[in-house]
N, C-alpha and C. Protein backbone atom coordinates (compact mmCIF):
# COMPACT_ATOMS: atom_id res chain seq x y z
N MET A 1 140.45 9.71 -53.80
CA MET A 1 139.71 10.84 -53.26
C MET A 1 139.43 10.54 -51.78
N ASP A 2 139.63 11.54 -50.93
CA ASP A 2 139.42 11.32 -49.50
C ASP A 2 138.02 11.76 -49.08
N HIS A 3 137.71 11.48 -47.82
CA HIS A 3 136.37 11.76 -47.30
C HIS A 3 136.04 13.25 -47.32
N VAL A 4 137.02 14.10 -47.06
CA VAL A 4 136.79 15.54 -47.07
C VAL A 4 136.32 15.99 -48.45
N GLU A 5 136.97 15.52 -49.51
CA GLU A 5 136.58 15.89 -50.88
C GLU A 5 135.18 15.39 -51.20
N ILE A 6 134.86 14.19 -50.75
CA ILE A 6 133.53 13.63 -51.01
C ILE A 6 132.46 14.49 -50.33
N ILE A 7 132.68 14.81 -49.06
CA ILE A 7 131.71 15.64 -48.32
C ILE A 7 131.59 17.00 -48.98
N ARG A 8 132.71 17.63 -49.32
CA ARG A 8 132.71 18.95 -49.93
C ARG A 8 131.97 18.93 -51.27
N ASP A 9 132.27 17.93 -52.10
CA ASP A 9 131.62 17.83 -53.41
C ASP A 9 130.12 17.63 -53.30
N ARG A 10 129.70 16.77 -52.40
CA ARG A 10 128.26 16.52 -52.22
C ARG A 10 127.55 17.78 -51.73
N LEU A 11 128.20 18.46 -50.79
CA LEU A 11 127.62 19.69 -50.27
C LEU A 11 127.54 20.75 -51.35
N LEU A 12 128.61 20.93 -52.11
CA LEU A 12 128.61 21.91 -53.20
C LEU A 12 127.52 21.61 -54.23
N LEU A 13 127.39 20.35 -54.60
CA LEU A 13 126.39 19.95 -55.59
C LEU A 13 124.98 20.24 -55.08
N THR A 14 124.70 19.86 -53.86
CA THR A 14 123.38 20.11 -53.26
C THR A 14 123.07 21.60 -53.20
N LEU A 15 124.05 22.37 -52.71
CA LEU A 15 123.83 23.81 -52.56
C LEU A 15 123.75 24.52 -53.91
N ALA A 16 124.50 24.06 -54.90
CA ALA A 16 124.45 24.68 -56.23
C ALA A 16 123.07 24.45 -56.87
N GLU A 17 122.53 23.26 -56.69
CA GLU A 17 121.20 22.98 -57.23
C GLU A 17 120.16 23.90 -56.59
N ARG A 18 120.26 24.09 -55.28
CA ARG A 18 119.33 24.97 -54.59
C ARG A 18 119.56 26.43 -55.00
N TYR A 19 120.81 26.82 -55.17
CA TYR A 19 121.16 28.18 -55.56
C TYR A 19 120.55 28.51 -56.92
N GLU A 20 120.59 27.55 -57.83
CA GLU A 20 120.04 27.77 -59.17
C GLU A 20 118.53 27.95 -59.16
N SER A 21 117.85 27.35 -58.19
CA SER A 21 116.40 27.50 -58.12
C SER A 21 115.98 28.68 -57.25
N ASP A 22 116.74 28.99 -56.20
CA ASP A 22 116.41 30.12 -55.33
C ASP A 22 117.67 30.50 -54.53
N ARG A 23 118.31 31.57 -54.94
CA ARG A 23 119.58 31.98 -54.33
C ARG A 23 119.46 32.34 -52.86
N ASN A 24 118.28 32.69 -52.41
CA ASN A 24 118.11 33.15 -51.03
C ASN A 24 117.72 32.05 -50.05
N GLN A 25 117.43 30.88 -50.56
CA GLN A 25 116.95 29.80 -49.70
C GLN A 25 118.10 29.06 -49.04
N TYR A 26 117.97 28.86 -47.75
CA TYR A 26 118.95 28.08 -46.99
C TYR A 26 118.59 26.60 -47.04
N VAL A 27 119.58 25.76 -46.85
CA VAL A 27 119.40 24.32 -46.81
C VAL A 27 119.72 23.85 -45.40
N THR A 28 118.84 23.06 -44.84
CA THR A 28 119.10 22.48 -43.53
C THR A 28 119.79 21.14 -43.75
N LEU A 29 121.00 21.05 -43.25
CA LEU A 29 121.77 19.81 -43.39
C LEU A 29 121.22 18.75 -42.45
N PRO A 30 121.22 17.50 -42.88
CA PRO A 30 120.71 16.43 -42.02
C PRO A 30 121.49 16.35 -40.70
N ARG A 31 120.80 15.97 -39.65
CA ARG A 31 121.45 15.85 -38.35
C ARG A 31 122.64 14.89 -38.42
N GLN A 32 122.49 13.82 -39.17
CA GLN A 32 123.56 12.84 -39.34
C GLN A 32 124.83 13.50 -39.89
N THR A 33 124.65 14.44 -40.80
CA THR A 33 125.79 15.17 -41.36
C THR A 33 126.42 16.05 -40.30
N MET A 34 125.61 16.78 -39.57
CA MET A 34 126.14 17.71 -38.57
C MET A 34 126.69 16.99 -37.34
N ASP A 35 126.35 15.73 -37.15
CA ASP A 35 126.93 14.95 -36.06
C ASP A 35 128.34 14.48 -36.40
N SER A 36 128.72 14.59 -37.66
CA SER A 36 130.05 14.19 -38.10
C SER A 36 131.04 15.34 -37.91
N SER A 37 132.09 15.10 -37.14
CA SER A 37 133.08 16.15 -36.92
C SER A 37 133.76 16.52 -38.23
N LEU A 38 133.94 15.57 -39.13
CA LEU A 38 134.55 15.84 -40.42
C LEU A 38 133.67 16.75 -41.26
N ALA A 39 132.37 16.50 -41.26
CA ALA A 39 131.44 17.34 -42.02
C ALA A 39 131.39 18.74 -41.43
N ARG A 40 131.41 18.86 -40.10
CA ARG A 40 131.41 20.19 -39.47
C ARG A 40 132.69 20.95 -39.84
N GLU A 41 133.80 20.22 -39.94
CA GLU A 41 135.06 20.84 -40.34
C GLU A 41 134.98 21.36 -41.78
N VAL A 42 134.38 20.58 -42.67
CA VAL A 42 134.22 21.01 -44.06
C VAL A 42 133.34 22.25 -44.14
N VAL A 43 132.24 22.26 -43.40
CA VAL A 43 131.34 23.41 -43.38
C VAL A 43 132.10 24.63 -42.86
N ALA A 44 132.88 24.47 -41.82
CA ALA A 44 133.64 25.60 -41.26
C ALA A 44 134.66 26.14 -42.27
N GLU A 45 135.34 25.24 -42.95
CA GLU A 45 136.31 25.67 -43.97
C GLU A 45 135.62 26.44 -45.09
N MET A 46 134.50 25.92 -45.55
CA MET A 46 133.77 26.58 -46.63
C MET A 46 133.23 27.94 -46.19
N ARG A 47 132.80 28.01 -44.94
CA ARG A 47 132.32 29.29 -44.39
C ARG A 47 133.49 30.29 -44.32
N ASN A 48 134.65 29.85 -43.87
CA ASN A 48 135.82 30.72 -43.77
C ASN A 48 136.31 31.17 -45.15
N GLU A 49 136.12 30.31 -46.15
CA GLU A 49 136.50 30.66 -47.54
C GLU A 49 135.45 31.54 -48.20
N LYS A 50 134.35 31.77 -47.50
CA LYS A 50 133.23 32.59 -48.01
C LYS A 50 132.51 31.92 -49.19
N THR A 51 132.57 30.58 -49.27
CA THR A 51 131.82 29.89 -50.32
C THR A 51 130.41 29.55 -49.86
N ILE A 52 130.20 29.49 -48.54
CA ILE A 52 128.86 29.30 -48.00
C ILE A 52 128.62 30.29 -46.87
N GLU A 53 127.34 30.54 -46.61
CA GLU A 53 126.89 31.32 -45.45
C GLU A 53 126.19 30.34 -44.53
N GLU A 54 126.40 30.49 -43.24
CA GLU A 54 125.70 29.64 -42.28
C GLU A 54 124.80 30.54 -41.43
N GLN A 55 123.50 30.34 -41.57
CA GLN A 55 122.52 31.14 -40.82
C GLN A 55 122.60 30.78 -39.34
N ILE A 56 122.46 29.50 -39.06
CA ILE A 56 122.71 28.91 -37.75
C ILE A 56 123.37 27.57 -38.02
N ARG A 57 123.86 26.92 -37.00
CA ARG A 57 124.57 25.66 -37.22
C ARG A 57 123.71 24.68 -38.03
N GLY A 58 124.27 24.25 -39.16
CA GLY A 58 123.60 23.27 -40.00
C GLY A 58 122.61 23.83 -40.99
N VAL A 59 122.46 25.15 -41.04
CA VAL A 59 121.55 25.79 -42.00
C VAL A 59 122.40 26.71 -42.87
N VAL A 60 122.62 26.27 -44.12
CA VAL A 60 123.60 26.95 -44.97
C VAL A 60 123.04 27.24 -46.36
N ARG A 61 123.71 28.15 -47.05
CA ARG A 61 123.43 28.39 -48.46
C ARG A 61 124.73 28.77 -49.14
N LEU A 62 124.75 28.58 -50.43
CA LEU A 62 125.91 28.91 -51.25
C LEU A 62 125.94 30.42 -51.46
N THR A 63 127.12 30.99 -51.46
CA THR A 63 127.27 32.41 -51.79
C THR A 63 127.52 32.53 -53.29
N ALA A 64 127.45 33.74 -53.80
CA ALA A 64 127.76 33.96 -55.23
C ALA A 64 129.18 33.50 -55.52
N ARG A 65 130.09 33.77 -54.61
CA ARG A 65 131.48 33.32 -54.75
C ARG A 65 131.56 31.79 -54.81
N GLY A 66 130.81 31.12 -53.94
CA GLY A 66 130.78 29.67 -53.93
C GLY A 66 130.21 29.10 -55.22
N TYR A 67 129.19 29.76 -55.75
CA TYR A 67 128.59 29.30 -57.00
C TYR A 67 129.57 29.45 -58.15
N GLN A 68 130.29 30.56 -58.19
CA GLN A 68 131.31 30.76 -59.23
C GLN A 68 132.38 29.69 -59.15
N GLU A 69 132.80 29.36 -57.94
CA GLU A 69 133.80 28.30 -57.76
C GLU A 69 133.26 26.97 -58.27
N PHE A 70 132.01 26.69 -57.96
CA PHE A 70 131.37 25.47 -58.41
C PHE A 70 131.34 25.39 -59.94
N LYS A 71 131.01 26.51 -60.59
CA LYS A 71 130.90 26.53 -62.05
C LYS A 71 132.26 26.47 -62.75
N THR A 72 133.31 27.01 -62.14
CA THR A 72 134.60 27.09 -62.81
C THR A 72 135.56 25.96 -62.46
N HIS A 73 135.32 25.27 -61.37
CA HIS A 73 136.20 24.17 -60.96
C HIS A 73 135.39 22.88 -60.87
N PRO A 74 135.78 21.88 -61.64
CA PRO A 74 135.03 20.61 -61.60
C PRO A 74 135.12 19.98 -60.22
N LEU A 75 134.09 19.24 -59.86
CA LEU A 75 134.09 18.52 -58.60
C LEU A 75 135.18 17.46 -58.62
N SER A 76 135.74 17.19 -57.47
CA SER A 76 136.80 16.18 -57.35
C SER A 76 136.32 14.82 -57.80
N CYS A 77 135.07 14.48 -57.48
CA CYS A 77 134.55 13.16 -57.86
C CYS A 77 134.41 13.05 -59.38
N ALA A 78 134.18 14.15 -60.06
CA ALA A 78 134.07 14.13 -61.53
C ALA A 78 135.43 13.88 -62.15
N GLU A 79 136.49 14.35 -61.50
CA GLU A 79 137.84 14.17 -62.02
C GLU A 79 138.29 12.71 -61.90
N GLN A 80 137.71 11.98 -60.95
CA GLN A 80 138.11 10.61 -60.70
C GLN A 80 137.53 9.64 -61.73
N SER A 81 136.47 10.04 -62.42
CA SER A 81 135.78 9.15 -63.36
C SER A 81 136.60 8.88 -64.60
């Protein structure tokens, strides 16, 4: 599993947990995450795929589409176990 999959899986898991408790709440990503060009690339890809919404840079939430993807496709890290 590569770094992109790890970042994507962690982000999906965090956002899915928040989505289940409050679909309208945004999550502020840690500065350390947003300082990573790889993490910013993952966020941009997910935003372009419409799986997340970005209110402002580093403040994101899962979309209904993203939640469906999370529920129907296992995380990459789960497949490695």
